[in-house]
Amino acid sequence: MTAVVSRAALHSRCGEVVPLDVESWRRPADDVEIAVLADLRGPVMDVGCGPGRIVAAIAASGRMAMGVDTSPSASAEASQRGV
């Protein structure tokens, strides 16, 4: 199977180009994100959850979480993660 490499960037009006790490959108939550999430109390709703990586991290800690996203492809990825 061939890996798909996505190249995306933000382009400002003044010509500045900021590359975006699209694959980070799909990776599991990292240690810093997990530490921030540990401080959340009660059920969590992630609006614009994308592929559900943060919702998955919250659920893995035993807490209730729900993700909402209008993108069909993001919702499909979240479903594949089981969230």
C-alpha atoms as a PDB file:
ATOM      1  CA  MET A   1       0.000   0.000   0.000  1.00  0.00           C
ATOM      2  CA  THR A   2       1.331   3.448  -0.900  1.00  0.00           C
ATOM      3  CA  ALA A   3       1.201   6.194   1.732  1.00  0.00           C
ATOM      4  CA  VAL A   4      -0.622   9.349   0.719  1.00  0.00           C
ATOM      5  CA  VAL A   5       1.292  12.531   1.503  1.00  0.00           C
ATOM      6  CA  SER A   6      -0.905  15.581   1.931  1.00  0.00           C
ATOM      7  CA  ARG A   7       0.581  18.998   1.413  1.00  0.00           C
ATOM      8  CA  ALA A   8      -1.464  21.921   2.628  1.00  0.00           C
ATOM      9  CA  ALA A   9      -0.610  25.460   3.601  1.00  0.00           C
ATOM     10  CA  LEU A  10      -2.178  28.711   4.710  1.00  0.00           C
ATOM     11  CA  HIS A  11      -1.471  31.631   2.374  1.00  0.00           C
ATOM     12  CA  SER A  12      -1.700  35.157   3.777  1.00  0.00           C
ATOM     13  CA  ARG A  13      -2.532  38.282   1.798  1.00  0.00           C
ATOM     14  CA  CYS A  14       1.036  39.510   2.283  1.00  0.00           C
ATOM     15  CA  GLY A  15       2.440  36.364   0.683  1.00  0.00           C
ATOM     16  CA  GLU A  16       3.444  34.450   3.806  1.00  0.00           C
ATOM     17  CA  VAL A  17       3.020  30.691   3.467  1.00  0.00           C
ATOM     18  CA  VAL A  18       2.567  28.554   6.591  1.00  0.00           C
ATOM     19  CA  PRO A  19       2.811  24.795   5.957  1.00  0.00           C
ATOM     20  CA  LEU A  20       0.200  22.649   7.724  1.00  0.00           C
ATOM     21  CA  ASP A  21       1.030  19.210   9.098  1.00  0.00           C
ATOM     22  CA  VAL A  22      -2.077  17.423   7.826  1.00  0.00           C
ATOM     23  CA  GLU A  23      -1.016  14.040   9.174  1.00  0.00           C
ATOM     24  CA  SER A  24      -0.976  15.437  12.737  1.00  0.00           C
ATOM     25  CA  TRP A  25      -4.748  15.672  12.337  1.00  0.00           C
ATOM     26  CA  ARG A  26      -4.859  11.876  12.295  1.00  0.00           C
ATOM     27  CA  ARG A  27      -2.275  10.922  14.929  1.00  0.00           C
ATOM     28  CA  PRO A  28      -3.234   9.911  18.474  1.00  0.00           C
ATOM     29  CA  ALA A  29      -3.258  12.616  21.159  1.00  0.00           C
ATOM     30  CA  ASP A  30       0.252  13.302  22.436  1.00  0.00           C
ATOM     31  CA  ASP A  31       1.424  13.528  26.057  1.00  0.00           C
ATOM     32  CA  VAL A  32       0.860  17.306  26.258  1.00  0.00           C
ATOM     33  CA  GLU A  33      -2.712  17.027  24.943  1.00  0.00           C
ATOM     34  CA  ILE A  34      -3.456  14.156  27.315  1.00  0.00           C
ATOM     35  CA  ALA A  35      -2.152  16.228  30.249  1.00  0.00           C
ATOM     36  CA  VAL A  36      -4.424  19.146  29.275  1.00  0.00           C
ATOM     37  CA  LEU A  37      -7.401  16.801  28.869  1.00  0.00           C
ATOM     38  CA  ALA A  38      -6.798  15.338  32.336  1.00  0.00           C
ATOM     39  CA  ASP A  39      -7.983  18.626  33.875  1.00  0.00           C
ATOM     40  CA  LEU A  40     -11.418  18.486  32.204  1.00  0.00           C
ATOM     41  CA  ARG A  41     -14.333  17.620  34.469  1.00  0.00           C
ATOM     42  CA  GLY A  42     -17.525  15.830  33.542  1.00  0.00           C
ATOM     43  CA  PRO A  43     -18.600  14.712  30.082  1.00  0.00           C
ATOM     44  CA  VAL A  44     -16.837  16.476  27.203  1.00  0.00           C
ATOM     45  CA  MET A  45     -18.247  17.558  23.847  1.00  0.00           C
ATOM     46  CA  ASP A  46     -15.666  18.212  21.119  1.00  0.00           C
ATOM     47  CA  VAL A  47     -17.310  20.405  18.464  1.00  0.00           C
ATOM     48  CA  GLY A  48     -15.381  20.151  15.223  1.00  0.00           C
ATOM     49  CA  CYS A  49     -13.727  16.947  16.397  1.00  0.00           C
ATOM     50  CA  GLY A  50     -12.309  15.975  13.016  1.00  0.00           C
ATOM     51  CA  PRO A  51     -11.271  12.320  13.058  1.00  0.00           C
ATOM     52  CA  GLY A  52     -11.974  12.009  16.788  1.00  0.00           C
ATOM     53  CA  ARG A  53      -8.413  11.792  18.097  1.00  0.00           C
ATOM     54  CA  ILE A  54      -9.131  13.929  21.177  1.00  0.00           C
ATOM     55  CA  VAL A  55     -12.473  12.208  21.833  1.00  0.00           C
ATOM     56  CA  ALA A  56     -10.651   8.863  21.657  1.00  0.00           C
ATOM     57  CA  ALA A  57      -8.086  10.048  24.219  1.00  0.00           C
ATOM     58  CA  ILE A  58     -10.806  11.205  26.613  1.00  0.00           C
ATOM     59  CA  ALA A  59     -12.743   7.951  26.218  1.00  0.00           C
ATOM     60  CA  ALA A  60      -9.546   5.960  26.803  1.00  0.00           C
ATOM     61  CA  SER A  61      -9.251   7.659  30.200  1.00  0.00           C
ATOM     62  CA  GLY A  62     -12.672   6.270  31.154  1.00  0.00           C
ATOM     63  CA  ARG A  63     -14.600   9.528  30.802  1.00  0.00           C
ATOM     64  CA  MET A  64     -17.626  10.232  28.637  1.00  0.00           C
ATOM     65  CA  ALA A  65     -17.003  12.208  25.451  1.00  0.00           C
ATOM     66  CA  MET A  66     -18.874  12.993  22.268  1.00  0.00           C
ATOM     67  CA  GLY A  67     -17.485  14.433  19.048  1.00  0.00           C
ATOM     68  CA  VAL A  68     -19.424  16.379  16.433  1.00  0.00           C
ATOM     69  CA  ASP A  69     -18.161  17.274  12.969  1.00  0.00           C
ATOM     70  CA  THR A  70     -19.913  18.288   9.749  1.00  0.00           C
ATOM     71  CA  SER A  71     -17.264  16.684   7.516  1.00  0.00           C
ATOM     72  CA  PRO A  72     -18.387  13.270   6.255  1.00  0.00           C
ATOM     73  CA  SER A  73     -14.774  12.087   5.841  1.00  0.00           C
ATOM     74  CA  ALA A  74     -13.812  13.227   9.352  1.00  0.00           C
ATOM     75  CA  SER A  75     -16.884  11.524  10.799  1.00  0.00           C
ATOM     76  CA  ALA A  76     -15.999   8.338   8.929  1.00  0.00           C
ATOM     77  CA  GLU A  77     -12.465   8.391  10.402  1.00  0.00           C
ATOM     78  CA  ALA A  78     -13.902   8.944  13.883  1.00  0.00           C
ATOM     79  CA  SER A  79     -16.225   5.979  13.402  1.00  0.00           C
ATOM     80  CA  GLN A  80     -13.271   3.843  12.284  1.00  0.00           C
ATOM     81  CA  ARG A  81     -11.548   4.799  15.576  1.00  0.00           C
ATOM     82  CA  GLY A  82     -14.621   3.591  17.427  1.00  0.00           C
ATOM     83  CA  VAL A  83     -15.650   7.048  18.657  1.00  0.00           C
END
